[in-house]
Amino acid sequence: MANVPTKPTSPVKTEKPAASGMFATLTIPLCIVVAIIIFIFILGDSSHYEGGDVLLGRPTDLFGQIHRGGHLVPVIMSYLLMVIVFSIERFVVIGKASGTGNVDVFVRKVQSALNVGNIDAANAECDKQKGSVANVIKSGLKKYREMESDPNLTIDQKSLAIQKDIEEATALEMPMLEQNLTIIATLVSIGTLTGLLGTVFGMINAFAELAAAGATNQTALSASISEALVNTALGISTSALSIVMYNVFTSKIDNLTYAIDETGFSIVQTFAASHKK
């Protein structure tokens, strides 16, 4: 097949990677600082211990019990805060990328306009929808118009040029949707591992205290094990939330990609069908 002359892809608005990177750079240390403050001043408040004794008193509620989990608790709490903050940020970004209306309804409207050859109506739907999907489709429609007035290419070459334009526009949009998902995916693993590490440290301390006492103290052993398992509970909870959020976002991105591919295919097929000699 003959080579297709390349033309600049229609401009598509994208989120600057530097802005997303700056958000992550600021969010991670901020979450760590907030977690430490919560651990010291809220969970470690004397009201959560018998007699107000944080060091020797028995925890009277869940806050005190979590505080007794040790110094790795604020680390795991910072992971949990990161999952929450990055999830909110992804919901906002992917929501903007989807546009102002339902993506499936938008795709059906564009396809209906294409089926009757009404490119202007399809463009109007893109203007109303906005977002990444609409931007990519509008880029393809603009290329559609350009190819109609180009007398130097065959129908196959023009169709290929439209398809290539849509693929390039999609490549510009997708990285913005996938930003920071690697952080959430990483928290899936390190949340559980850090929790287990805290449990191991707690068990080491528990058996060291029992060995120093010179006698078996089931009450002290049970209390120490309970405190050590706080880390495991927090770590598993953080990982579980991370897994759910990661799968939610990847599913949303897959749906947007499918909508772009489906509509892009319709654009190419409509062009090829309407310009056959």
C-alpha atoms as a PDB file:
ATOM      1  CA  MET A   1       0.000   0.000   0.000  1.00  0.00           C
ATOM      2  CA  ALA A   2       1.262   3.477  -0.834  1.00  0.00           C
ATOM      3  CA  ASN A   3       2.574   5.617   1.958  1.00  0.00           C
ATOM      4  CA  VAL A   4       0.208   8.220   3.325  1.00  0.00           C
ATOM      5  CA  PRO A   5       1.556  11.782   3.614  1.00  0.00           C
ATOM      6  CA  THR A   6       1.590  12.681   7.275  1.00  0.00           C
ATOM      7  CA  LYS A   7      -0.033  15.861   8.508  1.00  0.00           C
ATOM      8  CA  PRO A   8      -0.008  17.281  12.007  1.00  0.00           C
ATOM      9  CA  THR A   9      -2.600  15.683  14.226  1.00  0.00           C
ATOM     10  CA  SER A  10      -5.414  18.011  15.211  1.00  0.00           C
ATOM     11  CA  PRO A  11      -4.646  19.702  18.520  1.00  0.00           C
ATOM     12  CA  VAL A  12      -6.039  17.877  21.516  1.00  0.00           C
ATOM     13  CA  LYS A  13      -6.158  19.329  24.988  1.00  0.00           C
ATOM     14  CA  THR A  14      -4.247  17.168  27.449  1.00  0.00           C
ATOM     15  CA  GLU A  15      -3.195  17.475  31.045  1.00  0.00           C
ATOM     16  CA  LYS A  16       0.468  18.361  31.293  1.00  0.00           C
ATOM     17  CA  PRO A  17       2.504  15.409  32.670  1.00  0.00           C
ATOM     18  CA  ALA A  18       4.534  17.881  34.739  1.00  0.00           C
ATOM     19  CA  ALA A  19       1.394  18.999  36.556  1.00  0.00           C
ATOM     20  CA  SER A  20       0.453  15.425  37.420  1.00  0.00           C
ATOM     21  CA  GLY A  21       4.032  14.691  38.503  1.00  0.00           C
ATOM     22  CA  MET A  22       4.044  17.764  40.733  1.00  0.00           C
ATOM     23  CA  PHE A  23       0.763  16.615  42.302  1.00  0.00           C
ATOM     24  CA  ALA A  24       2.287  13.230  43.170  1.00  0.00           C
ATOM     25  CA  THR A  25       5.491  14.847  44.467  1.00  0.00           C
ATOM     26  CA  LEU A  26       3.537  17.054  46.849  1.00  0.00           C
ATOM     27  CA  THR A  27       0.906  14.499  47.846  1.00  0.00           C
ATOM     28  CA  ILE A  28       3.219  11.720  49.034  1.00  0.00           C
ATOM     29  CA  PRO A  29       5.176  13.697  51.685  1.00  0.00           C
ATOM     30  CA  LEU A  30       1.998  15.531  52.715  1.00  0.00           C
ATOM     31  CA  CYS A  31       0.216  12.225  53.378  1.00  0.00           C
ATOM     32  CA  ILE A  32       3.182  11.044  55.467  1.00  0.00           C
ATOM     33  CA  VAL A  33       3.141  14.223  57.564  1.00  0.00           C
ATOM     34  CA  VAL A  34      -0.640  14.045  58.079  1.00  0.00           C
ATOM     35  CA  ALA A  35      -0.412  10.372  59.085  1.00  0.00           C
ATOM     36  CA  ILE A  36       2.277  11.145  61.684  1.00  0.00           C
ATOM     37  CA  ILE A  37       0.180  13.995  63.104  1.00  0.00           C
ATOM     38  CA  ILE A  38      -2.892  11.742  63.355  1.00  0.00           C
ATOM     39  CA  PHE A  39      -0.840   8.987  64.998  1.00  0.00           C
ATOM     40  CA  ILE A  40       0.719  11.251  67.628  1.00  0.00           C
ATOM     41  CA  PHE A  41      -2.020  13.725  68.462  1.00  0.00           C
ATOM     42  CA  ILE A  42      -5.249  11.824  67.766  1.00  0.00           C
ATOM     43  CA  LEU A  43      -4.576   8.104  68.148  1.00  0.00           C
ATOM     44  CA  GLY A  44      -1.931   8.754  70.833  1.00  0.00           C
ATOM     45  CA  ASP A  45      -4.131  11.026  72.932  1.00  0.00           C
ATOM     46  CA  SER A  46      -4.221  10.035  76.608  1.00  0.00           C
ATOM     47  CA  SER A  47      -8.036   9.807  76.548  1.00  0.00           C
ATOM     48  CA  HIS A  48      -7.715   6.500  74.709  1.00  0.00           C
ATOM     49  CA  TYR A  49      -5.842   4.817  77.595  1.00  0.00           C
ATOM     50  CA  GLU A  50      -6.753   3.765  81.124  1.00  0.00           C
ATOM     51  CA  GLY A  51      -5.635   6.349  83.638  1.00  0.00           C
ATOM     52  CA  GLY A  52      -4.431   8.579  80.830  1.00  0.00           C
ATOM     53  CA  ASP A  53      -1.137   6.666  80.748  1.00  0.00           C
ATOM     54  CA  VAL A  54      -0.103   6.279  77.097  1.00  0.00           C
ATOM     55  CA  LEU A  55       3.000   4.232  77.914  1.00  0.00           C
ATOM     56  CA  LEU A  56       1.664   1.727  80.434  1.00  0.00           C
ATOM     57  CA  GLY A  57      -2.101   2.144  80.385  1.00  0.00           C
ATOM     58  CA  ARG A  58      -4.411  -0.299  78.633  1.00  0.00           C
ATOM     59  CA  PRO A  59      -6.134   0.977  75.443  1.00  0.00           C
ATOM     60  CA  THR A  60      -9.810   1.678  76.078  1.00  0.00           C
ATOM     61  CA  ASP A  61     -10.973   1.986  72.456  1.00  0.00           C
ATOM     62  CA  LEU A  62     -10.039   1.278  68.855  1.00  0.00           C
ATOM     63  CA  PHE A  63      -7.914   4.432  68.533  1.00  0.00           C
ATOM     64  CA  GLY A  64      -5.727   3.385  71.433  1.00  0.00           C
ATOM     65  CA  GLN A  65      -5.453  -0.155  70.110  1.00  0.00           C
ATOM     66  CA  ILE A  66      -4.285   1.119  66.711  1.00  0.00           C
ATOM     67  CA  HIS A  67      -1.793   3.452  68.412  1.00  0.00           C
ATOM     68  CA  ARG A  68      -0.273   0.499  70.244  1.00  0.00           C
ATOM     69  CA  GLY A  69       0.551  -1.078  66.885  1.00  0.00           C
ATOM     70  CA  GLY A  70       3.934   0.671  66.894  1.00  0.00           C
ATOM     71  CA  HIS A  71       5.915   3.065  64.759  1.00  0.00           C
ATOM     72  CA  LEU A  72       4.998   1.417  61.454  1.00  0.00           C
ATOM     73  CA  VAL A  73       1.334   2.325  61.953  1.00  0.00           C
ATOM     74  CA  PRO A  74       1.754   5.912  60.674  1.00  0.00           C
ATOM     75  CA  VAL A  75       3.646   4.563  57.652  1.00  0.00           C
ATOM     76  CA  ILE A  76       0.724   2.285  56.742  1.00  0.00           C
ATOM     77  CA  MET A  77      -1.719   5.089  57.481  1.00  0.00           C
ATOM     78  CA  SER A  78       0.156   7.301  55.015  1.00  0.00           C
ATOM     79  CA  TYR A  79      -0.336   4.561  52.389  1.00  0.00           C
ATOM     80  CA  LEU A  80      -4.056   4.585  53.106  1.00  0.00           C
ATOM     81  CA  LEU A  81      -4.211   8.367  52.769  1.00  0.00           C
ATOM     82  CA  MET A  82      -2.336   8.160  49.456  1.00  0.00           C
ATOM     83  CA  VAL A  83      -4.846   5.645  48.104  1.00  0.00           C
ATOM     84  CA  ILE A  84      -7.728   7.925  49.094  1.00  0.00           C
ATOM     85  CA  VAL A  85      -6.159  11.119  47.690  1.00  0.00           C
ATOM     86  CA  PHE A  86      -4.986   9.581  44.410  1.00  0.00           C
ATOM     87  CA  SER A  87      -8.348   7.846  43.975  1.00  0.00           C
ATOM     88  CA  ILE A  88     -10.182  11.154  44.318  1.00  0.00           C
ATOM     89  CA  GLU A  89      -7.762  12.743  41.840  1.00  0.00           C
ATOM     90  CA  ARG A  90      -8.290   9.924  39.329  1.00  0.00           C
ATOM     91  CA  PHE A  91     -12.079  10.144  39.691  1.00  0.00           C
ATOM     92  CA  VAL A  92     -11.902  13.848  38.852  1.00  0.00           C
ATOM     93  CA  VAL A  93      -9.538  13.415  35.883  1.00  0.00           C
ATOM     94  CA  ILE A  94     -11.361  10.430  34.376  1.00  0.00           C
ATOM     95  CA  GLY A  95     -14.690  12.173  34.967  1.00  0.00           C
ATOM     96  CA  LYS A  96     -13.472  15.175  32.975  1.00  0.00           C
ATOM     97  CA  ALA A  97     -12.155  12.871  30.270  1.00  0.00           C
ATOM     98  CA  SER A  98     -15.564  11.213  29.965  1.00  0.00           C
ATOM     99  CA  GLY A  99     -17.186  14.557  29.290  1.00  0.00           C
ATOM    100  CA  THR A 100     -20.408  16.214  30.361  1.00  0.00           C
ATOM    101  CA  GLY A 101     -22.755  13.361  29.465  1.00  0.00           C
ATOM    102  CA  ASN A 102     -22.931   9.593  29.343  1.00  0.00           C
ATOM    103  CA  VAL A 103     -20.228   8.239  27.036  1.00  0.00           C
ATOM    104  CA  ASP A 104     -22.373   5.414  25.647  1.00  0.00           C
ATOM    105  CA  VAL A 105     -25.174   7.834  24.761  1.00  0.00           C
ATOM    106  CA  PHE A 106     -22.651  10.173  23.137  1.00  0.00           C
ATOM    107  CA  VAL A 107     -21.192   7.345  21.036  1.00  0.00           C
ATOM    108  CA  ARG A 108     -24.663   6.300  19.847  1.00  0.00           C
ATOM    109  CA  LYS A 109     -25.514   9.891  18.857  1.00  0.00           C
ATOM    110  CA  VAL A 110     -22.272  10.270  16.902  1.00  0.00           C
ATOM    111  CA  GLN A 111     -22.799   6.934  15.177  1.00  0.00           C
ATOM    112  CA  SER A 112     -26.370   7.901  14.268  1.00  0.00           C
ATOM    113  CA  ALA A 113     -25.128  11.156  12.720  1.00  0.00           C
ATOM    114  CA  LEU A 114     -22.414   9.278  10.819  1.00  0.00           C
ATOM    115  CA  ASN A 115     -24.888   6.715   9.511  1.00  0.00           C
ATOM    116  CA  VAL A 116     -26.783   9.479   7.720  1.00  0.00           C
ATOM    117  CA  GLY A 117     -23.576  11.245   6.681  1.00  0.00           C
ATOM    118  CA  ASN A 118     -24.196  14.277   8.894  1.00  0.00           C
ATOM    119  CA  ILE A 119     -20.663  15.204   9.941  1.00  0.00           C
ATOM    120  CA  ASP A 120     -21.754  18.617  11.227  1.00  0.00           C
ATOM    121  CA  ALA A 121     -24.177  16.966  13.667  1.00  0.00           C
ATOM    122  CA  ALA A 122     -21.421  14.631  14.868  1.00  0.00           C
ATOM    123  CA  ASN A 123     -19.150  17.653  15.422  1.00  0.00           C
ATOM    124  CA  ALA A 124     -21.918  19.388  17.356  1.00  0.00           C
ATOM    125  CA  GLU A 125     -22.254  16.367  19.652  1.00  0.00           C
ATOM    126  CA  CYS A 126     -18.503  16.505  20.313  1.00  0.00           C
ATOM    127  CA  ASP A 127     -18.767  20.201  21.210  1.00  0.00           C
ATOM    128  CA  LYS A 128     -21.538  19.417  23.690  1.00  0.00           C
ATOM    129  CA  GLN A 129     -19.839  16.349  25.193  1.00  0.00           C
ATOM    130  CA  LYS A 130     -16.284  17.725  25.604  1.00  0.00           C
ATOM    131  CA  GLY A 131     -13.674  15.583  27.375  1.00  0.00           C
ATOM    132  CA  SER A 132     -11.023  13.241  25.998  1.00  0.00           C
ATOM    133  CA  VAL A 133     -13.354  10.967  24.051  1.00  0.00           C
ATOM    134  CA  ALA A 134     -15.003  13.911  22.308  1.00  0.00           C
ATOM    135  CA  ASN A 135     -11.603  15.491  21.608  1.00  0.00           C
ATOM    136  CA  VAL A 136     -10.339  12.373  19.866  1.00  0.00           C
ATOM    137  CA  ILE A 137     -13.518  11.927  17.848  1.00  0.00           C
ATOM    138  CA  LYS A 138     -13.531  15.588  16.842  1.00  0.00           C
ATOM    139  CA  SER A 139      -9.927  15.232  15.687  1.00  0.00           C
ATOM    140  CA  GLY A 140     -10.983  12.304  13.496  1.00  0.00           C
ATOM    141  CA  LEU A 141     -13.917  14.270  12.089  1.00  0.00           C
ATOM    142  CA  LYS A 142     -11.638  17.191  11.260  1.00  0.00           C
ATOM    143  CA  LYS A 143      -9.347  14.806   9.402  1.00  0.00           C
ATOM    144  CA  TYR A 144     -12.444  13.450   7.658  1.00  0.00           C
ATOM    145  CA  ARG A 145     -13.145  16.942   6.291  1.00  0.00           C
ATOM    146  CA  GLU A 146      -9.533  17.392   5.227  1.00  0.00           C
ATOM    147  CA  MET A 147      -9.520  14.109   3.331  1.00  0.00           C
ATOM    148  CA  GLU A 148     -12.717  15.006   1.490  1.00  0.00           C
ATOM    149  CA  SER A 149     -10.978  17.937  -0.171  1.00  0.00           C
ATOM    150  CA  ASP A 150      -7.677  16.158  -0.894  1.00  0.00           C
ATOM    151  CA  PRO A 151      -7.594  15.035  -4.549  1.00  0.00           C
ATOM    152  CA  ASN A 152      -4.141  13.423  -4.402  1.00  0.00           C
ATOM    153  CA  LEU A 153      -4.930  10.298  -2.375  1.00  0.00           C
ATOM    154  CA  THR A 154      -6.954   7.173  -2.999  1.00  0.00           C
ATOM    155  CA  ILE A 155      -9.932   6.217  -0.812  1.00  0.00           C
ATOM    156  CA  ASP A 156      -7.840   3.604   1.015  1.00  0.00           C
ATOM    157  CA  GLN A 157      -5.084   6.115   1.698  1.00  0.00           C
ATOM    158  CA  LYS A 158      -7.575   8.672   2.978  1.00  0.00           C
ATOM    159  CA  SER A 159      -9.233   6.095   5.243  1.00  0.00           C
ATOM    160  CA  LEU A 160      -5.838   5.083   6.584  1.00  0.00           C
ATOM    161  CA  ALA A 161      -4.959   8.744   7.229  1.00  0.00           C
ATOM    162  CA  ILE A 162      -8.183   9.227   9.236  1.00  0.00           C
ATOM    163  CA  GLN A 163      -7.495   6.078  11.242  1.00  0.00           C
ATOM    164  CA  LYS A 164      -3.919   7.167  11.929  1.00  0.00           C
ATOM    165  CA  ASP A 165      -5.086  10.601  13.083  1.00  0.00           C
ATOM    166  CA  ILE A 166      -7.511   9.022  15.556  1.00  0.00           C
ATOM    167  CA  GLU A 167      -4.800   6.695  16.867  1.00  0.00           C
ATOM    168  CA  GLU A 168      -2.382   9.597  17.367  1.00  0.00           C
ATOM    169  CA  ALA A 169      -5.014  11.669  19.160  1.00  0.00           C
ATOM    170  CA  THR A 170      -5.809   8.672  21.384  1.00  0.00           C
ATOM    171  CA  ALA A 171      -2.106   8.255  22.184  1.00  0.00           C
ATOM    172  CA  LEU A 172      -2.044  11.867  23.392  1.00  0.00           C
ATOM    173  CA  GLU A 173      -5.030  11.398  25.683  1.00  0.00           C
ATOM    174  CA  MET A 174      -4.374   7.983  27.245  1.00  0.00           C
ATOM    175  CA  PRO A 175      -1.238   8.866  29.269  1.00  0.00           C
ATOM    176  CA  MET A 176      -3.201  11.568  31.065  1.00  0.00           C
ATOM    177  CA  LEU A 177      -5.827   9.001  32.099  1.00  0.00           C
ATOM    178  CA  GLU A 178      -3.239   6.512  33.348  1.00  0.00           C
ATOM    179  CA  GLN A 179      -1.163   8.986  35.387  1.00  0.00           C
ATOM    180  CA  ASN A 180      -0.620   7.944  39.047  1.00  0.00           C
ATOM    181  CA  LEU A 181      -2.211   4.512  38.568  1.00  0.00           C
ATOM    182  CA  THR A 182       1.234   2.987  39.073  1.00  0.00           C
ATOM    183  CA  ILE A 183       1.315   4.519  42.554  1.00  0.00           C
ATOM    184  CA  ILE A 184      -1.998   2.888  43.469  1.00  0.00           C
ATOM    185  CA  ALA A 185      -0.777  -0.415  42.007  1.00  0.00           C
ATOM    186  CA  THR A 186       2.436  -0.188  44.057  1.00  0.00           C
ATOM    187  CA  LEU A 187       0.480   0.424  47.260  1.00  0.00           C
ATOM    188  CA  VAL A 188      -1.295  -2.891  46.704  1.00  0.00           C
ATOM    189  CA  SER A 189       1.934  -4.744  47.471  1.00  0.00           C
ATOM    190  CA  ILE A 190       3.769  -2.530  49.924  1.00  0.00           C
ATOM    191  CA  GLY A 191       0.674  -2.067  52.087  1.00  0.00           C
ATOM    192  CA  THR A 192       0.500  -5.761  52.922  1.00  0.00           C
ATOM    193  CA  LEU A 193       4.275  -6.163  53.160  1.00  0.00           C
ATOM    194  CA  THR A 194       4.662  -3.235  55.566  1.00  0.00           C
ATOM    195  CA  GLY A 195       1.810  -4.586  57.677  1.00  0.00           C
ATOM    196  CA  LEU A 196       3.472  -7.976  57.891  1.00  0.00           C
ATOM    197  CA  LEU A 197       6.784  -6.320  58.752  1.00  0.00           C
ATOM    198  CA  GLY A 198       5.106  -4.489  61.631  1.00  0.00           C
ATOM    199  CA  THR A 199       3.621  -7.747  62.839  1.00  0.00           C
ATOM    200  CA  VAL A 200       7.029  -9.450  62.747  1.00  0.00           C
ATOM    201  CA  PHE A 201       8.563  -6.621  64.780  1.00  0.00           C
ATOM    202  CA  GLY A 202       5.700  -6.833  67.261  1.00  0.00           C
ATOM    203  CA  MET A 203       6.109 -10.587  67.675  1.00  0.00           C
ATOM    204  CA  ILE A 204       9.841 -10.228  68.189  1.00  0.00           C
ATOM    205  CA  ASN A 205       9.238  -7.673  70.930  1.00  0.00           C
ATOM    206  CA  ALA A 206       6.543  -9.846  72.504  1.00  0.00           C
ATOM    207  CA  PHE A 207       8.731 -12.926  72.779  1.00  0.00           C
ATOM    208  CA  ALA A 208      11.683 -10.835  73.924  1.00  0.00           C
ATOM    209  CA  GLU A 209       9.603  -9.502  76.815  1.00  0.00           C
ATOM    210  CA  LEU A 210       8.455 -12.994  77.726  1.00  0.00           C
ATOM    211  CA  ALA A 211      12.005 -14.287  77.648  1.00  0.00           C
ATOM    212  CA  ALA A 212      13.142 -11.447  79.892  1.00  0.00           C
ATOM    213  CA  ALA A 213      10.331 -12.176  82.374  1.00  0.00           C
ATOM    214  CA  GLY A 214      11.541 -15.753  82.747  1.00  0.00           C
ATOM    215  CA  ALA A 215       8.035 -17.207  82.828  1.00  0.00           C
ATOM    216  CA  THR A 216       5.122 -17.713  80.505  1.00  0.00           C
ATOM    217  CA  ASN A 217       2.628 -14.897  80.785  1.00  0.00           C
ATOM    218  CA  GLN A 218      -0.332 -15.723  78.556  1.00  0.00           C
ATOM    219  CA  THR A 219      -2.044 -12.395  79.194  1.00  0.00           C
ATOM    220  CA  ALA A 220       0.996 -10.373  78.161  1.00  0.00           C
ATOM    221  CA  LEU A 221       1.564 -12.635  75.164  1.00  0.00           C
ATOM    222  CA  SER A 222      -2.032 -12.270  73.991  1.00  0.00           C
ATOM    223  CA  ALA A 223      -1.922  -8.498  74.361  1.00  0.00           C
ATOM    224  CA  SER A 224       1.354  -8.228  72.465  1.00  0.00           C
ATOM    225  CA  ILE A 225       0.112 -10.458  69.651  1.00  0.00           C
ATOM    226  CA  SER A 226      -3.096  -8.438  69.412  1.00  0.00           C
ATOM    227  CA  GLU A 227      -1.101  -5.215  69.131  1.00  0.00           C
ATOM    228  CA  ALA A 228       1.211  -6.737  66.527  1.00  0.00           C
ATOM    229  CA  LEU A 229      -1.722  -7.845  64.367  1.00  0.00           C
ATOM    230  CA  VAL A 230      -2.953  -4.252  64.148  1.00  0.00           C
ATOM    231  CA  ASN A 231      -0.269  -3.701  61.516  1.00  0.00           C
ATOM    232  CA  THR A 232      -1.476  -6.679  59.484  1.00  0.00           C
ATOM    233  CA  ALA A 233      -5.081  -5.490  59.652  1.00  0.00           C
ATOM    234  CA  LEU A 234      -4.158  -1.979  58.493  1.00  0.00           C
ATOM    235  CA  GLY A 235      -1.867  -3.285  55.750  1.00  0.00           C
ATOM    236  CA  ILE A 236      -4.433  -5.708  54.357  1.00  0.00           C
ATOM    237  CA  SER A 237      -7.166  -3.051  54.487  1.00  0.00           C
ATOM    238  CA  THR A 238      -4.957  -0.616  52.567  1.00  0.00           C
ATOM    239  CA  SER A 239      -4.076  -3.226  49.950  1.00  0.00           C
ATOM    240  CA  ALA A 240      -7.716  -4.280  49.544  1.00  0.00           C
ATOM    241  CA  LEU A 241      -8.806  -0.679  48.948  1.00  0.00           C
ATOM    242  CA  SER A 242      -5.917  -0.193  46.504  1.00  0.00           C
ATOM    243  CA  ILE A 243      -6.927  -3.270  44.501  1.00  0.00           C
ATOM    244  CA  VAL A 244     -10.549  -2.144  44.295  1.00  0.00           C
ATOM    245  CA  MET A 245      -9.628   1.393  43.215  1.00  0.00           C
ATOM    246  CA  TYR A 246      -7.072   0.209  40.657  1.00  0.00           C
ATOM    247  CA  ASN A 247      -9.578  -2.159  39.056  1.00  0.00           C
ATOM    248  CA  VAL A 248     -12.273   0.534  39.024  1.00  0.00           C
ATOM    249  CA  PHE A 249     -10.011   2.996  37.216  1.00  0.00           C
ATOM    250  CA  THR A 250      -8.617   0.497  34.717  1.00  0.00           C
ATOM    251  CA  SER A 251     -12.187  -0.556  33.924  1.00  0.00           C
ATOM    252  CA  LYS A 252     -13.221   3.067  33.332  1.00  0.00           C
ATOM    253  CA  ILE A 253     -10.193   3.689  31.097  1.00  0.00           C
ATOM    254  CA  ASP A 254     -10.915   0.496  29.124  1.00  0.00           C
ATOM    255  CA  ASN A 255     -14.494   1.669  28.577  1.00  0.00           C
ATOM    256  CA  LEU A 256     -13.295   5.044  27.281  1.00  0.00           C
ATOM    257  CA  THR A 257     -10.772   3.368  24.997  1.00  0.00           C
ATOM    258  CA  TYR A 258     -13.436   1.033  23.661  1.00  0.00           C
ATOM    259  CA  ALA A 259     -15.761   3.995  22.997  1.00  0.00           C
ATOM    260  CA  ILE A 260     -12.997   5.771  21.065  1.00  0.00           C
ATOM    261  CA  ASP A 261     -12.148   2.662  19.048  1.00  0.00           C
ATOM    262  CA  GLU A 262     -15.792   1.950  18.261  1.00  0.00           C
ATOM    263  CA  THR A 263     -16.539   5.491  17.115  1.00  0.00           C
ATOM    264  CA  GLY A 264     -13.252   5.798  15.233  1.00  0.00           C
ATOM    265  CA  PHE A 265     -14.089   2.627  13.315  1.00  0.00           C
ATOM    266  CA  SER A 266     -17.479   4.102  12.438  1.00  0.00           C
ATOM    267  CA  ILE A 267     -15.833   7.276  11.115  1.00  0.00           C
ATOM    268  CA  VAL A 268     -13.456   5.338   8.871  1.00  0.00           C
ATOM    269  CA  GLN A 269     -16.194   3.023   7.610  1.00  0.00           C
ATOM    270  CA  THR A 270     -18.535   5.930   6.914  1.00  0.00           C
ATOM    271  CA  PHE A 271     -15.859   7.724   4.924  1.00  0.00           C
ATOM    272  CA  ALA A 272     -14.990   4.639   2.907  1.00  0.00           C
ATOM    273  CA  ALA A 273     -18.654   3.835   2.200  1.00  0.00           C
ATOM    274  CA  SER A 274     -19.638   7.378   1.194  1.00  0.00           C
ATOM    275  CA  HIS A 275     -16.693   7.953  -1.149  1.00  0.00           C
ATOM    276  CA  LYS A 276     -16.674   4.732  -3.120  1.00  0.00           C
ATOM    277  CA  LYS A 277     -16.805   5.252  -6.827  1.00  0.00           C
END
